[in-house]
Every structure is written in structure tokens, then in C-alpha cells.
């Protein structure tokens, strides 16, 4: 069953409530780092292809979530297509933080304040376990890609640009 962190985060609480098996991975976050996801992969000794970042964009003026490998970029056109939209752009940092309840660098796709249309990059399905932010910088959660898709009610599509 799920591991519990002391106090938990909304992400770990959501996983526990859903009955999803997960592991927590804590690491020392360096506030000077620019790439939070690559920092997590390196600190945890993981292949960056299985560590995913959570990005917020607006698709036709509505917030949406794109989950892509930390070694890739979000393809905004592909995200818009996956959600049946025509135009996408990255969301403003403050809007992303308000909408999710998390700070940039610690935005989890799990346990957000409000549910948003979500797309998980298809490469997630290539891994037995994927890692995403657990809701704060320096803490990731490992779970099966199927559980990530299920808990976030996500669509799976090719939304990464290499």
C-alpha cells in the first residue's frame, strides 16, 4: 500500500485516498538550480526519461496540465491537439501556482486545488514506474504510469519535443 509522509502533501493524500501504491523519494533541493526536474533525476540517481515534470498551459484560454519527461520540452501544439483545442501557450507562473496550490518546481499533477484537463506524454507508458513531484521541491513520488493516468483522469498522447 501507500507510504505516508509526515504531514503529507495534497499529492500523497490524494494517492492514499485513491488506494494507489507509491514510493516517496526525498532529496536535498538546491534553490540555485534552474531545472528542477533534472535536479530530481540526478539527485535520485534516476534516468531522466522516467522522471516527469508537470507544466501548466492555457489551451484556448483554459488551464491544462501537460506531463512530460524532464529531458524533453512540452510541445504546445501537440497538447492543444490532444485536448481538442486550437491554440496553447505556457501559463503564467502565478496563475499556475494559484490554480494548483503548489509552487513552481514543486507542482504535482496529483492533489491540485482544482482538476484541469491533463495529458500525460505517451513515453510514460514505456516505464514500469514514473516519478513526478509529490507537491514540494525536493520530494518526488514514484508510481505506475497507469495509476498516474487514472488518478489524474489524463489523456495519453505524444506531447514531448526532444
N, C-alpha and C. Protein backbone atom coordinates (compact mmCIF):
# COMPACT_ATOMS: atom_id res chain seq x y z
N UNK A 1 0.84 -1.18 0.00
CA UNK A 1 0.00 0.00 0.00
C UNK A 1 0.88 1.25 0.00
N UNK A 2 0.29 2.39 0.13
CA UNK A 2 0.99 3.66 0.01
C UNK A 2 1.81 3.97 1.25
N UNK A 3 2.92 4.61 1.02
CA UNK A 3 3.72 5.15 2.10
C UNK A 3 3.18 6.52 2.45
N UNK A 4 3.26 6.88 3.70
CA UNK A 4 2.79 8.19 4.12
C UNK A 4 3.98 9.03 4.54
N UNK A 5 3.95 10.28 4.13
CA UNK A 5 5.00 11.19 4.56
C UNK A 5 4.47 11.90 5.80
N UNK A 6 5.37 12.31 6.69
CA UNK A 6 4.91 13.01 7.88
C UNK A 6 4.21 14.29 7.45
N UNK A 7 2.96 14.41 7.80
CA UNK A 7 2.17 15.56 7.40
C UNK A 7 1.59 15.42 6.01
N UNK A 8 2.29 14.72 5.13
CA UNK A 8 1.80 14.51 3.77
C UNK A 8 1.71 15.80 2.98
N UNK A 9 1.45 15.64 1.71
CA UNK A 9 1.17 16.76 0.82
C UNK A 9 -0.17 16.44 0.19
N UNK A 10 -0.81 17.41 -0.44
CA UNK A 10 -2.07 17.08 -1.12
C UNK A 10 -1.90 15.94 -2.13
N UNK A 11 -0.72 15.83 -2.74
CA UNK A 11 -0.46 14.76 -3.71
C UNK A 11 -0.47 13.40 -3.03
N UNK A 12 0.25 13.26 -1.91
CA UNK A 12 0.31 11.97 -1.24
C UNK A 12 -1.03 11.63 -0.60
N UNK A 13 -1.73 12.63 -0.12
CA UNK A 13 -3.07 12.40 0.43
C UNK A 13 -4.01 11.88 -0.66
N UNK A 14 -3.94 12.48 -1.86
CA UNK A 14 -4.79 12.05 -2.98
C UNK A 14 -4.47 10.61 -3.37
N UNK A 15 -3.20 10.25 -3.40
CA UNK A 15 -2.82 8.89 -3.75
C UNK A 15 -3.29 7.89 -2.68
N UNK A 16 -3.13 8.26 -1.44
CA UNK A 16 -3.56 7.39 -0.35
C UNK A 16 -5.08 7.18 -0.41
N UNK A 17 -5.82 8.25 -0.59
CA UNK A 17 -7.28 8.15 -0.69
C UNK A 17 -7.71 7.27 -1.87
N UNK A 18 -6.96 7.35 -2.97
CA UNK A 18 -7.29 6.56 -4.15
C UNK A 18 -6.83 5.11 -4.03
N UNK A 19 -6.09 4.79 -2.97
CA UNK A 19 -5.60 3.43 -2.77
C UNK A 19 -4.49 3.05 -3.73
N UNK A 20 -3.73 4.04 -4.18
CA UNK A 20 -2.66 3.82 -5.15
C UNK A 20 -1.33 3.56 -4.43
N UNK A 21 -0.63 2.52 -4.86
CA UNK A 21 0.69 2.23 -4.32
C UNK A 21 1.69 3.25 -4.86
N UNK A 22 2.52 3.78 -3.98
CA UNK A 22 3.53 4.75 -4.41
C UNK A 22 4.71 4.70 -3.46
N UNK A 23 5.82 5.28 -3.89
CA UNK A 23 7.00 5.41 -3.05
C UNK A 23 7.38 6.88 -3.02
N UNK A 24 7.91 7.32 -1.90
CA UNK A 24 8.37 8.71 -1.75
C UNK A 24 9.89 8.75 -1.86
N UNK A 25 10.37 9.79 -2.51
CA UNK A 25 11.80 9.95 -2.73
C UNK A 25 12.19 11.38 -2.40
N UNK A 26 12.85 11.53 -1.26
CA UNK A 26 13.26 12.83 -0.75
C UNK A 26 14.69 13.11 -1.19
N UNK A 27 14.99 14.36 -1.52
CA UNK A 27 16.36 14.74 -1.86
C UNK A 27 16.57 16.19 -1.45
N UNK A 28 17.82 16.57 -1.31
CA UNK A 28 18.16 17.94 -0.92
C UNK A 28 18.05 18.84 -2.14
N UNK A 29 17.08 19.74 -2.12
CA UNK A 29 16.87 20.68 -3.23
C UNK A 29 17.83 21.86 -3.09
N UNK A 30 18.47 22.20 -4.19
CA UNK A 30 19.36 23.36 -4.24
C UNK A 30 18.57 24.53 -4.83
N UNK A 31 18.30 25.58 -4.06
CA UNK A 31 17.49 26.70 -4.55
C UNK A 31 18.10 27.45 -5.74
N UNK A 32 19.39 27.23 -6.03
CA UNK A 32 20.03 27.89 -7.17
C UNK A 32 19.78 27.16 -8.48
N UNK A 33 19.25 25.96 -8.43
CA UNK A 33 19.04 25.14 -9.63
C UNK A 33 17.95 25.73 -10.51
N UNK A 34 18.18 25.69 -11.82
CA UNK A 34 17.20 26.20 -12.78
C UNK A 34 16.25 25.12 -13.28
N UNK A 35 16.74 23.89 -13.40
CA UNK A 35 15.93 22.79 -13.90
C UNK A 35 15.58 21.83 -12.77
N UNK A 36 14.42 22.04 -12.18
CA UNK A 36 14.01 21.26 -11.01
C UNK A 36 13.91 19.76 -11.34
N UNK A 37 13.37 19.43 -12.50
CA UNK A 37 13.20 18.03 -12.86
C UNK A 37 14.51 17.30 -13.07
N UNK A 38 15.44 17.94 -13.78
CA UNK A 38 16.74 17.32 -13.98
C UNK A 38 17.49 17.19 -12.66
N UNK A 39 17.29 18.15 -11.77
CA UNK A 39 17.89 18.06 -10.44
C UNK A 39 17.36 16.83 -9.72
N UNK A 40 16.06 16.60 -9.79
CA UNK A 40 15.45 15.44 -9.13
C UNK A 40 16.02 14.14 -9.70
N UNK A 41 16.10 14.03 -11.02
CA UNK A 41 16.62 12.81 -11.65
C UNK A 41 18.05 12.54 -11.19
N UNK A 42 18.87 13.58 -11.22
CA UNK A 42 20.27 13.42 -10.82
C UNK A 42 20.39 13.07 -9.34
N UNK A 43 19.69 13.80 -8.50
CA UNK A 43 19.78 13.58 -7.05
C UNK A 43 19.29 12.19 -6.65
N UNK A 44 18.31 11.69 -7.38
CA UNK A 44 17.74 10.38 -7.05
C UNK A 44 18.40 9.24 -7.84
N UNK A 45 19.35 9.58 -8.72
CA UNK A 45 20.04 8.57 -9.50
C UNK A 45 19.12 7.87 -10.49
N UNK A 46 18.18 8.61 -11.06
CA UNK A 46 17.20 8.04 -11.99
C UNK A 46 17.46 8.49 -13.41
N UNK A 47 17.05 7.66 -14.35
CA UNK A 47 17.09 8.01 -15.77
C UNK A 47 16.10 9.17 -15.98
N UNK A 48 16.55 10.30 -16.54
CA UNK A 48 15.63 11.43 -16.76
C UNK A 48 14.42 11.07 -17.61
N UNK A 49 14.48 9.99 -18.37
CA UNK A 49 13.35 9.59 -19.21
C UNK A 49 12.16 9.10 -18.39
N UNK A 50 12.40 8.70 -17.13
CA UNK A 50 11.29 8.22 -16.30
C UNK A 50 10.87 9.23 -15.23
N UNK A 51 11.53 10.39 -15.22
CA UNK A 51 11.16 11.46 -14.29
C UNK A 51 10.39 12.49 -15.12
N UNK A 52 9.19 12.84 -14.66
CA UNK A 52 8.31 13.71 -15.43
C UNK A 52 8.05 15.02 -14.71
N UNK A 53 7.95 16.09 -15.50
CA UNK A 53 7.63 17.41 -14.96
C UNK A 53 6.18 17.74 -15.29
N UNK A 54 5.60 18.55 -14.44
CA UNK A 54 4.21 18.97 -14.59
C UNK A 54 4.20 20.43 -15.00
N UNK A 55 3.66 20.69 -16.19
CA UNK A 55 3.63 22.05 -16.72
C UNK A 55 2.19 22.48 -16.96
N UNK A 56 1.91 23.74 -16.66
CA UNK A 56 0.58 24.27 -16.93
C UNK A 56 0.61 25.18 -18.14
N UNK A 57 -0.40 25.03 -18.95
CA UNK A 57 -0.55 25.84 -20.16
C UNK A 57 -2.01 26.26 -20.25
N UNK A 58 -2.25 27.24 -21.09
CA UNK A 58 -3.64 27.58 -21.41
C UNK A 58 -3.90 27.05 -22.81
N UNK A 59 -4.98 26.31 -22.92
CA UNK A 59 -5.41 25.79 -24.21
C UNK A 59 -6.75 26.44 -24.50
N UNK A 60 -6.78 27.27 -25.53
CA UNK A 60 -7.98 28.05 -25.85
C UNK A 60 -8.52 28.75 -24.61
N UNK A 61 -7.62 29.41 -23.89
CA UNK A 61 -7.93 30.24 -22.71
C UNK A 61 -8.30 29.45 -21.45
N UNK A 62 -8.17 28.11 -21.48
CA UNK A 62 -8.45 27.28 -20.30
C UNK A 62 -7.18 26.62 -19.82
N UNK A 63 -6.97 26.59 -18.51
CA UNK A 63 -5.78 25.94 -17.98
C UNK A 63 -5.81 24.44 -18.25
N UNK A 64 -4.65 23.90 -18.57
CA UNK A 64 -4.48 22.48 -18.81
C UNK A 64 -3.11 22.06 -18.29
N UNK A 65 -2.97 20.77 -18.03
CA UNK A 65 -1.73 20.22 -17.49
C UNK A 65 -1.09 19.30 -18.52
N UNK A 66 0.20 19.50 -18.74
CA UNK A 66 0.99 18.61 -19.59
C UNK A 66 2.07 17.97 -18.73
N UNK A 67 2.19 16.65 -18.81
CA UNK A 67 3.18 15.92 -18.02
C UNK A 67 4.15 15.27 -19.00
N UNK A 68 5.40 15.74 -18.99
CA UNK A 68 6.40 15.29 -19.96
C UNK A 68 7.71 14.94 -19.24
N UNK A 69 8.56 14.12 -19.88
CA UNK A 69 9.86 13.80 -19.28
C UNK A 69 10.66 15.08 -19.03
N UNK A 70 11.45 15.07 -17.96
CA UNK A 70 12.24 16.26 -17.62
C UNK A 70 13.30 16.56 -18.67
N UNK A 71 13.65 15.57 -19.48
CA UNK A 71 14.66 15.78 -20.51
C UNK A 71 14.05 16.30 -21.81
N UNK A 72 12.75 16.53 -21.84
CA UNK A 72 12.05 17.00 -23.04
C UNK A 72 11.37 18.33 -22.76
N UNK A 73 10.82 18.90 -23.82
CA UNK A 73 10.01 20.12 -23.69
C UNK A 73 8.57 19.77 -24.03
N UNK A 74 7.66 20.55 -23.53
CA UNK A 74 6.25 20.37 -23.85
C UNK A 74 5.99 20.95 -25.24
N UNK A 75 5.41 20.15 -26.11
CA UNK A 75 5.02 20.60 -27.45
C UNK A 75 3.61 21.17 -27.32
N UNK A 76 3.52 22.49 -27.32
CA UNK A 76 2.24 23.16 -27.08
C UNK A 76 1.20 22.84 -28.15
N UNK A 77 1.62 22.73 -29.40
CA UNK A 77 0.67 22.39 -30.47
C UNK A 77 0.11 20.99 -30.25
N UNK A 78 0.96 20.06 -29.85
CA UNK A 78 0.51 18.69 -29.60
C UNK A 78 -0.42 18.63 -28.39
N UNK A 79 -0.14 19.44 -27.36
CA UNK A 79 -1.02 19.50 -26.20
C UNK A 79 -2.40 20.00 -26.61
N UNK A 80 -2.43 21.08 -27.39
CA UNK A 80 -3.71 21.62 -27.85
C UNK A 80 -4.48 20.57 -28.65
N UNK A 81 -3.79 19.90 -29.56
CA UNK A 81 -4.45 18.85 -30.37
C UNK A 81 -5.01 17.74 -29.48
N UNK A 82 -4.22 17.31 -28.50
CA UNK A 82 -4.64 16.21 -27.62
C UNK A 82 -5.90 16.56 -26.83
N UNK A 83 -6.09 17.86 -26.59
CA UNK A 83 -7.26 18.31 -25.83
C UNK A 83 -8.36 18.86 -26.73
N UNK A 84 -8.20 18.70 -28.04
CA UNK A 84 -9.22 19.17 -28.98
C UNK A 84 -9.24 20.68 -29.12
N UNK A 85 -8.13 21.32 -28.76
CA UNK A 85 -8.04 22.77 -28.85
C UNK A 85 -7.27 23.21 -30.07
N UNK A 86 -7.22 24.53 -30.26
CA UNK A 86 -6.51 25.03 -31.42
C UNK A 86 -5.25 25.82 -31.07
N UNK A 87 -5.18 26.37 -29.86
CA UNK A 87 -4.03 27.22 -29.51
C UNK A 87 -3.66 27.00 -28.05
N UNK A 88 -2.36 26.88 -27.81
CA UNK A 88 -1.87 26.71 -26.44
C UNK A 88 -0.66 27.60 -26.22
N UNK A 89 -0.51 28.04 -24.99
CA UNK A 89 0.68 28.77 -24.57
C UNK A 89 0.94 28.47 -23.10
N UNK A 90 2.17 28.64 -22.69
CA UNK A 90 2.50 28.36 -21.29
C UNK A 90 1.72 29.30 -20.38
N UNK A 91 1.28 28.78 -19.27
CA UNK A 91 0.53 29.58 -18.29
C UNK A 91 1.50 30.47 -17.52
N UNK A 92 0.99 31.56 -17.05
CA UNK A 92 1.74 32.46 -16.19
C UNK A 92 2.07 31.72 -14.89
N UNK A 93 3.28 31.94 -14.38
CA UNK A 93 3.74 31.27 -13.16
C UNK A 93 2.75 31.48 -12.00
N UNK A 94 2.32 32.71 -11.79
CA UNK A 94 1.42 33.00 -10.67
C UNK A 94 0.07 32.29 -10.86
N UNK A 95 -0.42 32.25 -12.10
CA UNK A 95 -1.69 31.57 -12.38
C UNK A 95 -1.55 30.07 -12.13
N UNK A 96 -0.42 29.49 -12.50
CA UNK A 96 -0.18 28.06 -12.27
C UNK A 96 -0.16 27.76 -10.78
N UNK A 97 0.50 28.61 -10.02
CA UNK A 97 0.58 28.39 -8.57
C UNK A 97 -0.80 28.54 -7.91
N UNK A 98 -1.56 29.55 -8.32
CA UNK A 98 -2.90 29.75 -7.76
C UNK A 98 -3.82 28.58 -8.09
N UNK A 99 -3.77 28.11 -9.31
CA UNK A 99 -4.68 27.06 -9.76
C UNK A 99 -4.37 25.70 -9.17
N UNK A 100 -3.09 25.46 -8.85
CA UNK A 100 -2.71 24.13 -8.36
C UNK A 100 -2.54 24.07 -6.85
N UNK A 101 -2.21 25.20 -6.23
CA UNK A 101 -1.92 25.19 -4.81
C UNK A 101 -0.46 24.82 -4.51
N UNK A 102 0.34 24.69 -5.54
CA UNK A 102 1.75 24.34 -5.40
C UNK A 102 2.62 25.46 -5.94
N UNK A 103 3.91 25.46 -5.54
CA UNK A 103 4.85 26.43 -6.09
C UNK A 103 5.58 25.82 -7.27
N UNK A 104 5.97 26.65 -8.22
CA UNK A 104 6.72 26.20 -9.38
C UNK A 104 7.97 25.46 -8.89
N UNK A 105 8.25 24.34 -9.51
CA UNK A 105 9.35 23.49 -9.08
C UNK A 105 8.86 22.39 -8.16
N UNK A 106 7.64 22.54 -7.67
CA UNK A 106 7.04 21.54 -6.81
C UNK A 106 5.60 21.26 -7.20
N UNK A 107 5.22 21.68 -8.42
CA UNK A 107 3.84 21.44 -8.87
C UNK A 107 3.68 19.96 -9.19
N UNK A 108 2.75 19.36 -8.51
CA UNK A 108 2.44 17.95 -8.74
C UNK A 108 1.20 17.85 -9.61
N UNK A 109 1.10 16.82 -10.42
CA UNK A 109 -0.13 16.62 -11.19
C UNK A 109 -1.23 16.03 -10.30
N UNK A 110 -0.86 15.66 -9.08
CA UNK A 110 -1.76 15.00 -8.14
C UNK A 110 -2.19 15.95 -7.03
N UNK A 111 -3.45 15.88 -6.64
CA UNK A 111 -3.91 16.66 -5.49
C UNK A 111 -3.95 18.16 -5.72
N UNK A 112 -4.14 18.58 -6.96
CA UNK A 112 -4.24 20.02 -7.24
C UNK A 112 -5.54 20.58 -6.67
N UNK A 113 -5.57 21.88 -6.44
CA UNK A 113 -6.75 22.53 -5.89
C UNK A 113 -8.00 22.28 -6.73
N UNK A 114 -7.83 22.34 -8.04
CA UNK A 114 -8.93 22.07 -8.98
C UNK A 114 -8.42 21.12 -10.04
N UNK A 115 -9.31 20.29 -10.53
CA UNK A 115 -8.92 19.38 -11.61
C UNK A 115 -8.86 20.16 -12.92
N UNK A 116 -7.85 19.89 -13.70
CA UNK A 116 -7.67 20.52 -15.00
C UNK A 116 -7.52 19.41 -16.04
N UNK A 117 -7.92 19.68 -17.29
CA UNK A 117 -7.65 18.68 -18.33
C UNK A 117 -6.16 18.37 -18.33
N UNK A 118 -5.84 17.09 -18.36
CA UNK A 118 -4.45 16.66 -18.20
C UNK A 118 -4.07 15.70 -19.32
N UNK A 119 -2.84 15.86 -19.81
CA UNK A 119 -2.30 14.96 -20.82
C UNK A 119 -0.94 14.47 -20.33
N UNK A 120 -0.78 13.16 -20.32
CA UNK A 120 0.50 12.53 -19.97
C UNK A 120 1.17 12.11 -21.26
N UNK A 121 2.45 12.45 -21.40
CA UNK A 121 3.18 12.05 -22.60
C UNK A 121 3.19 10.53 -22.73
N UNK A 122 3.02 10.05 -23.95
CA UNK A 122 2.93 8.62 -24.23
C UNK A 122 4.17 7.84 -23.79
N UNK A 123 5.32 8.50 -23.70
CA UNK A 123 6.53 7.79 -23.29
C UNK A 123 6.45 7.28 -21.86
N UNK A 124 5.54 7.82 -21.07
CA UNK A 124 5.38 7.34 -19.68
C UNK A 124 5.05 5.86 -19.66
N UNK A 125 4.33 5.41 -20.68
CA UNK A 125 3.91 4.01 -20.73
C UNK A 125 5.07 3.05 -21.01
N UNK A 126 6.24 3.60 -21.35
CA UNK A 126 7.43 2.78 -21.60
C UNK A 126 8.11 2.33 -20.31
N UNK A 127 7.64 2.84 -19.17
CA UNK A 127 8.31 2.60 -17.89
C UNK A 127 7.39 1.86 -16.92
N UNK A 128 7.99 1.03 -16.07
CA UNK A 128 7.21 0.35 -15.02
C UNK A 128 6.82 1.36 -13.94
N UNK A 129 7.71 2.30 -13.67
CA UNK A 129 7.48 3.33 -12.65
C UNK A 129 7.89 4.67 -13.24
N UNK A 130 7.08 5.68 -12.99
CA UNK A 130 7.43 7.06 -13.34
C UNK A 130 7.47 7.87 -12.06
N UNK A 131 8.18 8.97 -12.11
CA UNK A 131 8.37 9.83 -10.94
C UNK A 131 7.88 11.23 -11.28
N UNK A 132 7.08 11.79 -10.39
CA UNK A 132 6.58 13.15 -10.54
C UNK A 132 6.72 13.86 -9.19
N UNK A 133 6.58 15.15 -9.21
CA UNK A 133 6.67 15.90 -7.96
C UNK A 133 5.58 15.43 -7.00
N UNK A 134 5.95 15.32 -5.74
CA UNK A 134 5.00 14.94 -4.70
C UNK A 134 4.37 16.18 -4.06
N UNK A 135 4.65 17.35 -4.62
CA UNK A 135 4.00 18.56 -4.12
C UNK A 135 4.89 19.55 -3.43
N UNK A 136 6.17 19.27 -3.42
CA UNK A 136 7.12 20.26 -2.92
C UNK A 136 8.48 19.99 -3.54
N UNK A 137 9.28 21.02 -3.62
CA UNK A 137 10.63 20.87 -4.15
C UNK A 137 11.39 19.92 -3.23
N UNK A 138 12.09 18.97 -3.83
CA UNK A 138 12.87 18.03 -3.03
C UNK A 138 12.12 16.76 -2.65
N UNK A 139 10.94 16.57 -3.22
CA UNK A 139 10.17 15.36 -2.91
C UNK A 139 9.45 14.88 -4.16
N UNK A 140 9.76 13.67 -4.59
CA UNK A 140 9.10 13.06 -5.74
C UNK A 140 8.36 11.81 -5.28
N UNK A 141 7.40 11.42 -6.08
CA UNK A 141 6.64 10.20 -5.82
C UNK A 141 6.81 9.29 -7.04
N UNK A 142 7.01 8.01 -6.77
CA UNK A 142 7.10 7.02 -7.84
C UNK A 142 5.81 6.21 -7.86
N UNK A 143 5.26 6.02 -9.05
CA UNK A 143 4.03 5.25 -9.20
C UNK A 143 3.96 4.69 -10.60
N UNK A 144 3.04 3.76 -10.82
CA UNK A 144 2.92 3.20 -12.16
C UNK A 144 2.31 4.25 -13.08
N UNK A 145 2.70 4.25 -14.36
CA UNK A 145 2.12 5.21 -15.29
C UNK A 145 0.60 5.04 -15.41
N UNK A 146 0.12 3.81 -15.31
CA UNK A 146 -1.33 3.57 -15.39
C UNK A 146 -2.04 4.25 -14.22
N UNK A 147 -1.44 4.20 -13.03
CA UNK A 147 -2.05 4.87 -11.88
C UNK A 147 -2.00 6.38 -12.05
N UNK A 148 -0.90 6.91 -12.59
CA UNK A 148 -0.81 8.35 -12.84
C UNK A 148 -1.93 8.80 -13.77
N UNK A 149 -2.12 8.06 -14.85
CA UNK A 149 -3.17 8.38 -15.81
C UNK A 149 -4.54 8.29 -15.16
N UNK A 150 -4.76 7.24 -14.40
CA UNK A 150 -6.05 7.03 -13.76
C UNK A 150 -6.39 8.10 -12.73
N UNK A 151 -5.45 8.37 -11.83
CA UNK A 151 -5.71 9.33 -10.74
C UNK A 151 -5.90 10.75 -11.27
N UNK A 152 -5.24 11.09 -12.37
CA UNK A 152 -5.36 12.44 -12.93
C UNK A 152 -6.43 12.53 -14.02
N UNK A 153 -7.07 11.40 -14.33
CA UNK A 153 -8.07 11.34 -15.42
C UNK A 153 -7.46 11.88 -16.71
N UNK A 154 -6.23 11.51 -16.96
CA UNK A 154 -5.48 12.06 -18.09
C UNK A 154 -5.74 11.35 -19.40
N UNK A 155 -5.48 12.08 -20.46
CA UNK A 155 -5.38 11.56 -21.81
C UNK A 155 -3.91 11.22 -22.01
N UNK A 156 -3.60 10.21 -22.79
CA UNK A 156 -2.22 9.87 -23.12
C UNK A 156 -2.00 10.23 -24.58
N UNK A 157 -0.96 11.02 -24.85
CA UNK A 157 -0.65 11.45 -26.21
C UNK A 157 0.82 11.83 -26.30
N UNK A 158 1.34 11.88 -27.50
CA UNK A 158 2.72 12.31 -27.73
C UNK A 158 2.75 13.84 -27.66
N UNK A 159 3.19 14.36 -26.51
CA UNK A 159 3.21 15.83 -26.32
C UNK A 159 4.61 16.35 -26.01
N UNK A 160 5.63 15.51 -26.18
CA UNK A 160 7.01 15.93 -25.91
C UNK A 160 7.71 16.34 -27.19
N UNK A 161 8.61 17.30 -27.03
CA UNK A 161 9.51 17.73 -28.10
C UNK A 161 10.91 17.48 -27.61
N UNK A 162 11.73 16.83 -28.40
CA UNK A 162 13.09 16.46 -27.96
C UNK A 162 14.11 17.37 -28.53
